Amino acid sequence: MVVLNTERLLLRRLEPADLGPLHTLYGDPEMRRFYPDGTRTREQTREEIDWFLHGHPRHPDLGLWATIDRATGEFLGRCGLLPWRIEDKDEVELAFMIKKERWREGLATEASQGIIKHAHEVLGLRRLVCLIMPGNAASAAVASKVGMCFEREFTDQLGPCHLYSLALPAP
């Protein structure tokens, strides 16, 4: 199911057929360098796809979505919206991961802009956050480009994290 389109990208729900290309990303130490849980096995990747087949189980409008090049049909990564409970507050994270062969093309920024518009106009969300590990300058740059500001550092069970946020106007 297609969630949204941008000029160059189509974002749709993950499908079982995405296992191979998604595992290629998740199994790459460079791609997962700034993820506290590190690389993922093929089975862990399959479990994530199963988890998000119909959106997030508790929030079906949210989830991680396959990010596809509209011109070629190439699987580029996964981006989306994830619900979290952070310091006793419900938050929705803007998440993005684009394959390294396509870094520096503005694709994460484009996907993020489309997701922000969807979050605001379709879902009526009033705030988004990005959770970025210290040292991840590329993700911090994407967050800044789409209007997010560094809010604070916090530490959870996975370690230190920088929280960037964006307030969205009332619909």
N, C-alpha and C. Protein backbone atom coordinates (compact mmCIF):
# COMPACT_ATOMS: atom_id res chain seq x y z
N MET A 1 0.83 -1.17 0.00
CA MET A 1 0.00 0.00 0.00
C MET A 1 0.88 1.25 0.00
N VAL A 2 0.63 2.15 -0.94
CA VAL A 2 1.39 3.39 -1.02
C VAL A 2 0.94 4.32 0.10
N VAL A 3 1.92 4.88 0.81
CA VAL A 3 1.64 5.83 1.88
C VAL A 3 1.73 7.25 1.34
N LEU A 4 2.80 7.54 0.58
CA LEU A 4 2.96 8.88 0.03
C LEU A 4 3.96 8.87 -1.11
N ASN A 5 3.92 9.92 -1.92
CA ASN A 5 4.86 10.13 -3.02
C ASN A 5 5.52 11.48 -2.84
N THR A 6 6.77 11.57 -3.29
CA THR A 6 7.45 12.85 -3.43
C THR A 6 7.88 12.95 -4.88
N GLU A 7 8.63 13.96 -5.21
CA GLU A 7 9.06 14.12 -6.60
C GLU A 7 9.80 12.89 -7.13
N ARG A 8 10.73 12.35 -6.32
CA ARG A 8 11.54 11.22 -6.78
C ARG A 8 11.25 9.90 -6.08
N LEU A 9 10.43 9.94 -5.03
CA LEU A 9 10.28 8.77 -4.18
C LEU A 9 8.84 8.32 -4.02
N LEU A 10 8.69 7.03 -3.83
CA LEU A 10 7.42 6.44 -3.43
C LEU A 10 7.68 5.75 -2.09
N LEU A 11 6.85 6.03 -1.10
CA LEU A 11 6.95 5.35 0.18
C LEU A 11 5.72 4.47 0.33
N ARG A 12 5.97 3.20 0.57
CA ARG A 12 4.88 2.23 0.70
C ARG A 12 5.17 1.32 1.89
N ARG A 13 4.15 0.60 2.32
CA ARG A 13 4.36 -0.35 3.40
C ARG A 13 5.36 -1.42 2.97
N LEU A 14 6.13 -1.88 3.94
CA LEU A 14 7.07 -2.96 3.68
C LEU A 14 6.32 -4.23 3.29
N GLU A 15 6.95 -5.04 2.44
CA GLU A 15 6.38 -6.29 1.97
C GLU A 15 7.40 -7.40 2.18
N PRO A 16 6.97 -8.66 2.25
CA PRO A 16 7.93 -9.77 2.41
C PRO A 16 9.03 -9.76 1.35
N ALA A 17 8.73 -9.31 0.15
CA ALA A 17 9.73 -9.28 -0.93
C ALA A 17 10.84 -8.27 -0.66
N ASP A 18 10.67 -7.40 0.32
CA ASP A 18 11.70 -6.41 0.66
C ASP A 18 12.79 -7.00 1.54
N LEU A 19 12.66 -8.25 1.94
CA LEU A 19 13.61 -8.85 2.87
C LEU A 19 15.05 -8.75 2.37
N GLY A 20 15.31 -9.15 1.13
CA GLY A 20 16.68 -9.14 0.62
C GLY A 20 17.32 -7.76 0.65
N PRO A 21 16.70 -6.76 0.00
CA PRO A 21 17.34 -5.45 0.00
C PRO A 21 17.39 -4.79 1.39
N LEU A 22 16.39 -5.03 2.22
CA LEU A 22 16.43 -4.44 3.56
C LEU A 22 17.51 -5.10 4.40
N HIS A 23 17.66 -6.42 4.28
CA HIS A 23 18.71 -7.09 5.04
C HIS A 23 20.10 -6.65 4.57
N THR A 24 20.25 -6.35 3.29
CA THR A 24 21.52 -5.83 2.80
C THR A 24 21.90 -4.56 3.56
N LEU A 25 20.92 -3.70 3.81
CA LEU A 25 21.17 -2.48 4.58
C LEU A 25 21.44 -2.80 6.05
N TYR A 26 20.59 -3.63 6.63
CA TYR A 26 20.68 -3.92 8.06
C TYR A 26 21.89 -4.77 8.42
N GLY A 27 22.42 -5.51 7.47
CA GLY A 27 23.58 -6.34 7.74
C GLY A 27 24.90 -5.62 7.53
N ASP A 28 24.86 -4.39 7.05
CA ASP A 28 26.06 -3.61 6.73
C ASP A 28 26.48 -2.79 7.95
N PRO A 29 27.67 -3.06 8.52
CA PRO A 29 28.12 -2.32 9.70
C PRO A 29 28.19 -0.81 9.48
N GLU A 30 28.53 -0.37 8.27
CA GLU A 30 28.58 1.08 8.01
C GLU A 30 27.19 1.69 8.06
N MET A 31 26.20 0.99 7.51
CA MET A 31 24.82 1.50 7.54
C MET A 31 24.28 1.55 8.97
N ARG A 32 24.69 0.61 9.80
CA ARG A 32 24.15 0.49 11.16
C ARG A 32 25.09 1.06 12.22
N ARG A 33 26.08 1.81 11.78
CA ARG A 33 27.09 2.36 12.70
C ARG A 33 26.47 3.15 13.84
N PHE A 34 25.43 3.91 13.56
CA PHE A 34 24.82 4.76 14.57
C PHE A 34 23.50 4.21 15.11
N TYR A 35 23.37 2.90 15.08
CA TYR A 35 22.21 2.24 15.68
C TYR A 35 22.72 1.46 16.89
N PRO A 36 22.18 1.71 18.06
CA PRO A 36 22.75 1.08 19.26
C PRO A 36 22.67 -0.44 19.26
N ASP A 37 21.75 -1.02 18.49
CA ASP A 37 21.65 -2.47 18.45
C ASP A 37 22.48 -3.09 17.32
N GLY A 38 23.23 -2.27 16.59
CA GLY A 38 24.15 -2.78 15.57
C GLY A 38 23.46 -3.40 14.38
N THR A 39 24.17 -4.31 13.72
CA THR A 39 23.63 -4.96 12.53
C THR A 39 22.53 -5.94 12.93
N ARG A 40 21.76 -6.33 11.94
CA ARG A 40 20.67 -7.28 12.18
C ARG A 40 20.84 -8.50 11.28
N THR A 41 20.42 -9.63 11.80
CA THR A 41 20.45 -10.87 11.02
C THR A 41 19.28 -10.85 10.03
N ARG A 42 19.32 -11.79 9.12
CA ARG A 42 18.22 -11.93 8.16
C ARG A 42 16.90 -12.22 8.89
N GLU A 43 16.95 -13.06 9.92
CA GLU A 43 15.74 -13.38 10.67
C GLU A 43 15.22 -12.15 11.43
N GLN A 44 16.11 -11.35 12.01
CA GLN A 44 15.68 -10.12 12.70
C GLN A 44 15.05 -9.14 11.70
N THR A 45 15.60 -9.09 10.50
CA THR A 45 15.05 -8.22 9.46
C THR A 45 13.66 -8.72 9.06
N ARG A 46 13.51 -10.02 8.90
CA ARG A 46 12.20 -10.61 8.57
C ARG A 46 11.18 -10.27 9.66
N GLU A 47 11.59 -10.37 10.92
CA GLU A 47 10.69 -10.04 12.03
C GLU A 47 10.25 -8.58 11.97
N GLU A 48 11.16 -7.69 11.61
CA GLU A 48 10.79 -6.27 11.50
C GLU A 48 9.79 -6.06 10.37
N ILE A 49 10.02 -6.68 9.23
CA ILE A 49 9.08 -6.55 8.12
C ILE A 49 7.70 -7.07 8.55
N ASP A 50 7.68 -8.24 9.19
CA ASP A 50 6.40 -8.79 9.66
C ASP A 50 5.71 -7.84 10.63
N TRP A 51 6.47 -7.19 11.49
CA TRP A 51 5.94 -6.25 12.48
C TRP A 51 5.25 -5.08 11.79
N PHE A 52 5.81 -4.60 10.66
CA PHE A 52 5.32 -3.39 10.01
C PHE A 52 4.47 -3.64 8.76
N LEU A 53 4.10 -4.90 8.48
CA LEU A 53 3.33 -5.18 7.26
C LEU A 53 2.05 -4.36 7.16
N HIS A 54 1.40 -4.11 8.26
CA HIS A 54 0.13 -3.38 8.26
C HIS A 54 0.25 -2.10 9.09
N GLY A 55 1.42 -1.47 9.05
CA GLY A 55 1.68 -0.31 9.88
C GLY A 55 2.14 -0.79 11.25
N HIS A 56 2.39 0.14 12.14
CA HIS A 56 2.80 -0.23 13.49
C HIS A 56 1.62 -0.92 14.17
N PRO A 57 1.85 -2.05 14.86
CA PRO A 57 0.72 -2.80 15.44
C PRO A 57 -0.19 -1.98 16.35
N ARG A 58 0.36 -1.04 17.11
CA ARG A 58 -0.47 -0.22 18.00
C ARG A 58 -0.93 1.07 17.34
N HIS A 59 -0.28 1.46 16.26
CA HIS A 59 -0.59 2.72 15.56
C HIS A 59 -0.50 2.44 14.05
N PRO A 60 -1.55 1.88 13.44
CA PRO A 60 -1.48 1.45 12.03
C PRO A 60 -1.12 2.54 11.03
N ASP A 61 -1.35 3.81 11.37
CA ASP A 61 -0.99 4.89 10.45
C ASP A 61 0.51 5.19 10.46
N LEU A 62 1.21 4.64 11.45
CA LEU A 62 2.65 4.86 11.57
C LEU A 62 3.38 3.58 11.16
N GLY A 63 4.68 3.68 11.03
CA GLY A 63 5.49 2.51 10.72
C GLY A 63 6.69 2.89 9.89
N LEU A 64 7.49 1.89 9.56
CA LEU A 64 8.60 2.08 8.63
C LEU A 64 8.12 1.66 7.26
N TRP A 65 8.44 2.45 6.25
CA TRP A 65 7.94 2.25 4.90
C TRP A 65 9.10 2.08 3.92
N ALA A 66 8.92 1.15 3.00
CA ALA A 66 9.90 0.97 1.93
C ALA A 66 9.99 2.28 1.16
N THR A 67 11.20 2.69 0.86
CA THR A 67 11.44 3.93 0.13
C THR A 67 12.01 3.54 -1.23
N ILE A 68 11.25 3.88 -2.27
CA ILE A 68 11.49 3.38 -3.62
C ILE A 68 11.77 4.54 -4.57
N ASP A 69 12.75 4.37 -5.45
CA ASP A 69 13.02 5.34 -6.51
C ASP A 69 11.88 5.25 -7.52
N ARG A 70 11.12 6.32 -7.69
CA ARG A 70 9.97 6.29 -8.59
C ARG A 70 10.37 6.05 -10.04
N ALA A 71 11.53 6.53 -10.45
CA ALA A 71 11.94 6.39 -11.85
C ALA A 71 12.37 4.97 -12.20
N THR A 72 13.00 4.28 -11.24
CA THR A 72 13.58 2.97 -11.55
C THR A 72 12.94 1.80 -10.80
N GLY A 73 12.21 2.08 -9.73
CA GLY A 73 11.65 1.03 -8.90
C GLY A 73 12.65 0.45 -7.91
N GLU A 74 13.85 1.05 -7.83
CA GLU A 74 14.90 0.55 -6.95
C GLU A 74 14.53 0.77 -5.48
N PHE A 75 14.76 -0.25 -4.65
CA PHE A 75 14.59 -0.15 -3.20
C PHE A 75 15.76 0.67 -2.66
N LEU A 76 15.46 1.82 -2.06
CA LEU A 76 16.50 2.72 -1.59
C LEU A 76 16.72 2.66 -0.08
N GLY A 77 15.72 2.20 0.65
CA GLY A 77 15.85 2.18 2.10
C GLY A 77 14.50 2.08 2.75
N ARG A 78 14.46 2.56 3.98
CA ARG A 78 13.20 2.58 4.69
C ARG A 78 13.15 3.86 5.54
N CYS A 79 12.00 4.49 5.50
CA CYS A 79 11.77 5.73 6.22
C CYS A 79 10.37 5.66 6.81
N GLY A 80 10.07 6.51 7.77
CA GLY A 80 8.72 6.49 8.30
C GLY A 80 8.57 7.20 9.62
N LEU A 81 7.53 6.83 10.33
CA LEU A 81 7.15 7.43 11.61
C LEU A 81 7.00 6.33 12.65
N LEU A 82 7.65 6.51 13.78
CA LEU A 82 7.63 5.49 14.84
C LEU A 82 7.16 6.10 16.16
N PRO A 83 6.23 5.43 16.84
CA PRO A 83 5.80 5.92 18.16
C PRO A 83 6.79 5.48 19.24
N TRP A 84 7.06 6.39 20.18
CA TRP A 84 7.94 6.10 21.31
C TRP A 84 7.35 6.71 22.57
N ARG A 85 7.76 6.17 23.69
CA ARG A 85 7.48 6.77 24.99
C ARG A 85 8.83 7.20 25.53
N ILE A 86 9.04 8.51 25.61
CA ILE A 86 10.33 9.07 26.03
C ILE A 86 10.09 9.91 27.27
N GLU A 87 10.72 9.51 28.35
CA GLU A 87 10.60 10.24 29.61
C GLU A 87 9.14 10.56 29.93
N ASP A 88 8.30 9.54 29.89
CA ASP A 88 6.87 9.64 30.23
C ASP A 88 6.06 10.52 29.28
N LYS A 89 6.56 10.70 28.07
CA LYS A 89 5.83 11.49 27.08
C LYS A 89 5.75 10.71 25.77
N ASP A 90 4.56 10.69 25.16
CA ASP A 90 4.41 10.04 23.85
C ASP A 90 5.01 10.94 22.78
N GLU A 91 5.85 10.36 21.93
CA GLU A 91 6.50 11.09 20.85
C GLU A 91 6.36 10.27 19.57
N VAL A 92 6.50 10.93 18.43
CA VAL A 92 6.54 10.24 17.14
C VAL A 92 7.85 10.64 16.47
N GLU A 93 8.64 9.61 16.16
CA GLU A 93 9.95 9.82 15.54
C GLU A 93 9.86 9.79 14.03
N LEU A 94 10.50 10.75 13.41
CA LEU A 94 10.76 10.75 11.97
C LEU A 94 12.04 9.94 11.78
N ALA A 95 11.94 8.81 11.08
CA ALA A 95 13.08 7.91 10.89
C ALA A 95 13.42 7.82 9.41
N PHE A 96 14.70 7.73 9.10
CA PHE A 96 15.12 7.62 7.70
C PHE A 96 16.40 6.82 7.60
N MET A 97 16.47 6.00 6.55
CA MET A 97 17.68 5.25 6.21
C MET A 97 17.68 5.01 4.71
N ILE A 98 18.67 5.58 4.04
CA ILE A 98 18.83 5.45 2.58
C ILE A 98 20.14 4.70 2.33
N LYS A 99 20.14 3.79 1.38
CA LYS A 99 21.34 2.99 1.09
C LYS A 99 22.53 3.89 0.77
N LYS A 100 23.71 3.46 1.21
CA LYS A 100 24.90 4.33 1.13
C LYS A 100 25.31 4.66 -0.30
N GLU A 101 24.96 3.82 -1.26
CA GLU A 101 25.30 4.13 -2.65
C GLU A 101 24.54 5.36 -3.15
N ARG A 102 23.53 5.77 -2.44
CA ARG A 102 22.71 6.92 -2.85
C ARG A 102 22.79 8.09 -1.87
N TRP A 103 23.74 8.02 -0.92
CA TRP A 103 23.94 9.13 0.01
C TRP A 103 24.34 10.38 -0.77
N ARG A 104 24.08 11.51 -0.21
CA ARG A 104 24.44 12.84 -0.73
C ARG A 104 23.65 13.23 -1.98
N GLU A 105 22.50 12.59 -2.19
CA GLU A 105 21.62 12.97 -3.30
C GLU A 105 20.39 13.73 -2.79
N GLY A 106 20.31 13.95 -1.48
CA GLY A 106 19.17 14.65 -0.92
C GLY A 106 17.93 13.78 -0.74
N LEU A 107 18.09 12.46 -0.85
CA LEU A 107 16.93 11.57 -0.78
C LEU A 107 16.36 11.47 0.63
N ALA A 108 17.21 11.43 1.66
CA ALA A 108 16.71 11.38 3.04
C ALA A 108 15.97 12.67 3.37
N THR A 109 16.49 13.79 2.89
CA THR A 109 15.82 15.07 3.12
C THR A 109 14.48 15.11 2.40
N GLU A 110 14.45 14.66 1.15
CA GLU A 110 13.20 14.64 0.39
C GLU A 110 12.17 13.72 1.04
N ALA A 111 12.60 12.53 1.44
CA ALA A 111 11.67 11.61 2.11
C ALA A 111 11.15 12.24 3.40
N SER A 112 12.05 12.85 4.17
CA SER A 112 11.66 13.47 5.43
C SER A 112 10.67 14.60 5.23
N GLN A 113 10.88 15.42 4.22
CA GLN A 113 9.94 16.50 3.93
C GLN A 113 8.56 15.95 3.58
N GLY A 114 8.53 14.89 2.79
CA GLY A 114 7.25 14.27 2.45
C GLY A 114 6.57 13.66 3.66
N ILE A 115 7.35 13.05 4.53
CA ILE A 115 6.79 12.44 5.74
C ILE A 115 6.26 13.51 6.68
N ILE A 116 6.98 14.61 6.81
CA ILE A 116 6.50 15.71 7.67
C ILE A 116 5.17 16.25 7.14
N LYS A 117 5.08 16.45 5.84
CA LYS A 117 3.83 16.93 5.25
C LYS A 117 2.70 15.94 5.52
N HIS A 118 2.96 14.65 5.33
CA HIS A 118 1.97 13.60 5.59
C HIS A 118 1.56 13.61 7.07
N ALA A 119 2.55 13.70 7.95
CA ALA A 119 2.28 13.70 9.40
C ALA A 119 1.36 14.86 9.78
N HIS A 120 1.60 16.00 9.18
CA HIS A 120 0.82 17.20 9.49
C HIS A 120 -0.55 17.19 8.82
N GLU A 121 -0.55 17.02 7.50
CA GLU A 121 -1.79 17.18 6.73
C GLU A 121 -2.72 15.98 6.79
N VAL A 122 -2.16 14.77 6.86
CA VAL A 122 -3.00 13.57 6.85
C VAL A 122 -3.25 13.06 8.27
N LEU A 123 -2.20 13.02 9.08
CA LEU A 123 -2.32 12.44 10.41
C LEU A 123 -2.64 13.46 11.50
N GLY A 124 -2.47 14.74 11.19
CA GLY A 124 -2.77 15.78 12.16
C GLY A 124 -1.82 15.83 13.35
N LEU A 125 -0.59 15.35 13.17
CA LEU A 125 0.38 15.39 14.26
C LEU A 125 0.85 16.82 14.50
N ARG A 126 1.19 17.11 15.74
CA ARG A 126 1.61 18.47 16.12
C ARG A 126 3.09 18.56 16.44
N ARG A 127 3.77 17.41 16.53
CA ARG A 127 5.19 17.43 16.88
C ARG A 127 5.83 16.14 16.37
N LEU A 128 7.05 16.28 15.88
CA LEU A 128 7.87 15.13 15.48
C LEU A 128 9.23 15.27 16.13
N VAL A 129 9.89 14.15 16.34
CA VAL A 129 11.25 14.16 16.86
C VAL A 129 12.13 13.27 15.99
N CYS A 130 13.41 13.50 16.06
CA CYS A 130 14.42 12.59 15.52
C CYS A 130 15.30 12.18 16.69
N LEU A 131 15.61 10.91 16.77
CA LEU A 131 16.50 10.37 17.79
C LEU A 131 17.81 10.03 17.10
N ILE A 132 18.84 10.77 17.44
CA ILE A 132 20.11 10.67 16.71
C ILE A 132 21.24 10.41 17.69
N MET A 133 22.01 9.36 17.42
CA MET A 133 23.15 9.06 18.28
C MET A 133 24.21 10.15 18.14
N PRO A 134 24.87 10.50 19.25
CA PRO A 134 25.96 11.48 19.18
C PRO A 134 26.99 11.04 18.13
N GLY A 135 27.45 11.99 17.34
CA GLY A 135 28.44 11.72 16.31
C GLY A 135 27.86 11.49 14.93
N ASN A 136 26.53 11.31 14.83
CA ASN A 136 25.91 11.05 13.53
C ASN A 136 25.59 12.40 12.86
N ALA A 137 26.64 13.01 12.30
CA ALA A 137 26.51 14.34 11.70
C ALA A 137 25.58 14.35 10.50
N ALA A 138 25.57 13.28 9.71
CA ALA A 138 24.73 13.24 8.50
C ALA A 138 23.24 13.27 8.88
N SER A 139 22.83 12.48 9.86
CA SER A 139 21.43 12.49 10.27
C SER A 139 21.06 13.81 10.94
N ALA A 140 21.97 14.36 11.72
CA ALA A 140 21.71 15.67 12.33
C ALA A 140 21.52 16.73 11.25
N ALA A 141 22.30 16.64 10.17
CA ALA A 141 22.17 17.60 9.07
C ALA A 141 20.81 17.47 8.39
N VAL A 142 20.35 16.24 8.17
CA VAL A 142 19.02 16.04 7.57
C VAL A 142 17.96 16.63 8.48
N ALA A 143 18.04 16.33 9.77
CA ALA A 143 17.06 16.87 10.73
C ALA A 143 17.03 18.39 10.66
N SER A 144 18.19 19.01 10.62
CA SER A 144 18.25 20.48 10.55
C SER A 144 17.68 21.00 9.24
N LYS A 145 17.98 20.34 8.13
CA LYS A 145 17.48 20.78 6.82
C LYS A 145 15.96 20.77 6.75
N VAL A 146 15.32 19.88 7.49
CA VAL A 146 13.85 19.81 7.44
C VAL A 146 13.20 20.62 8.56
N GLY A 147 14.00 21.44 9.23
CA GLY A 147 13.45 22.37 10.21
C GLY A 147 13.50 21.94 11.66
N MET A 148 14.11 20.80 11.94
CA MET A 148 14.21 20.36 13.32
C MET A 148 15.35 21.07 14.03
N CYS A 149 15.20 21.21 15.34
CA CYS A 149 16.23 21.83 16.17
C CYS A 149 16.63 20.87 17.27
N PHE A 150 17.92 20.94 17.62
CA PHE A 150 18.40 20.15 18.75
C PHE A 150 17.66 20.62 20.00
N GLU A 151 17.07 19.67 20.70
CA GLU A 151 16.33 20.00 21.91
C GLU A 151 17.10 19.64 23.17
N ARG A 152 17.62 18.40 23.20
CA ARG A 152 18.35 17.97 24.39
C ARG A 152 19.01 16.62 24.15
N GLU A 153 19.91 16.29 25.06
CA GLU A 153 20.49 14.96 25.09
C GLU A 153 19.83 14.20 26.23
N PHE A 154 19.57 12.93 26.02
CA PHE A 154 19.07 12.09 27.09
C PHE A 154 19.70 10.72 26.95
N THR A 155 19.59 9.94 27.99
CA THR A 155 20.13 8.59 27.98
C THR A 155 19.00 7.63 28.32
N ASP A 156 18.87 6.60 27.49
CA ASP A 156 17.88 5.56 27.79
C ASP A 156 18.62 4.23 27.94
N GLN A 157 17.89 3.13 27.89
CA GLN A 157 18.51 1.83 28.09
C GLN A 157 19.52 1.48 26.99
N LEU A 158 19.47 2.18 25.85
CA LEU A 158 20.41 1.90 24.76
C LEU A 158 21.59 2.86 24.74
N GLY A 159 21.59 3.85 25.62
CA GLY A 159 22.70 4.77 25.70
C GLY A 159 22.30 6.20 25.40
N PRO A 160 23.30 7.09 25.18
CA PRO A 160 23.01 8.50 24.95
C PRO A 160 22.39 8.74 23.57
N CYS A 161 21.55 9.75 23.51
CA CYS A 161 20.85 10.08 22.27
C CYS A 161 20.59 11.57 22.23
N HIS A 162 20.67 12.16 21.06
CA HIS A 162 20.28 13.55 20.86
C HIS A 162 18.86 13.57 20.32
N LEU A 163 18.04 14.39 20.92
CA LEU A 163 16.66 14.52 20.49
C LEU A 163 16.51 15.85 19.76
N TYR A 164 16.12 15.75 18.49
CA TYR A 164 15.78 16.93 17.68
C TYR A 164 14.26 16.96 17.59
N SER A 165 13.68 18.17 17.51
CA SER A 165 12.23 18.24 17.46
C SER A 165 11.76 19.29 16.47
N LEU A 166 10.51 19.11 16.06
CA LEU A 166 9.85 20.04 15.15
C LEU A 166 8.40 20.17 15.59
N ALA A 167 7.99 21.39 15.90
CA ALA A 167 6.58 21.66 16.21
C ALA A 167 5.86 21.92 14.89
N LEU A 168 4.72 21.27 14.72
CA LEU A 168 3.91 21.45 13.50
C LEU A 168 2.71 22.33 13.84
N PRO A 169 2.32 23.21 12.94
CA PRO A 169 1.19 24.09 13.22
C PRO A 169 -0.11 23.30 13.32
N ALA A 170 -1.07 23.89 13.97
CA ALA A 170 -2.40 23.26 14.04
C ALA A 170 -2.94 23.08 12.63
N PRO A 171 -3.58 21.93 12.37
CA PRO A 171 -4.10 21.69 11.01
C PRO A 171 -5.23 22.66 10.64
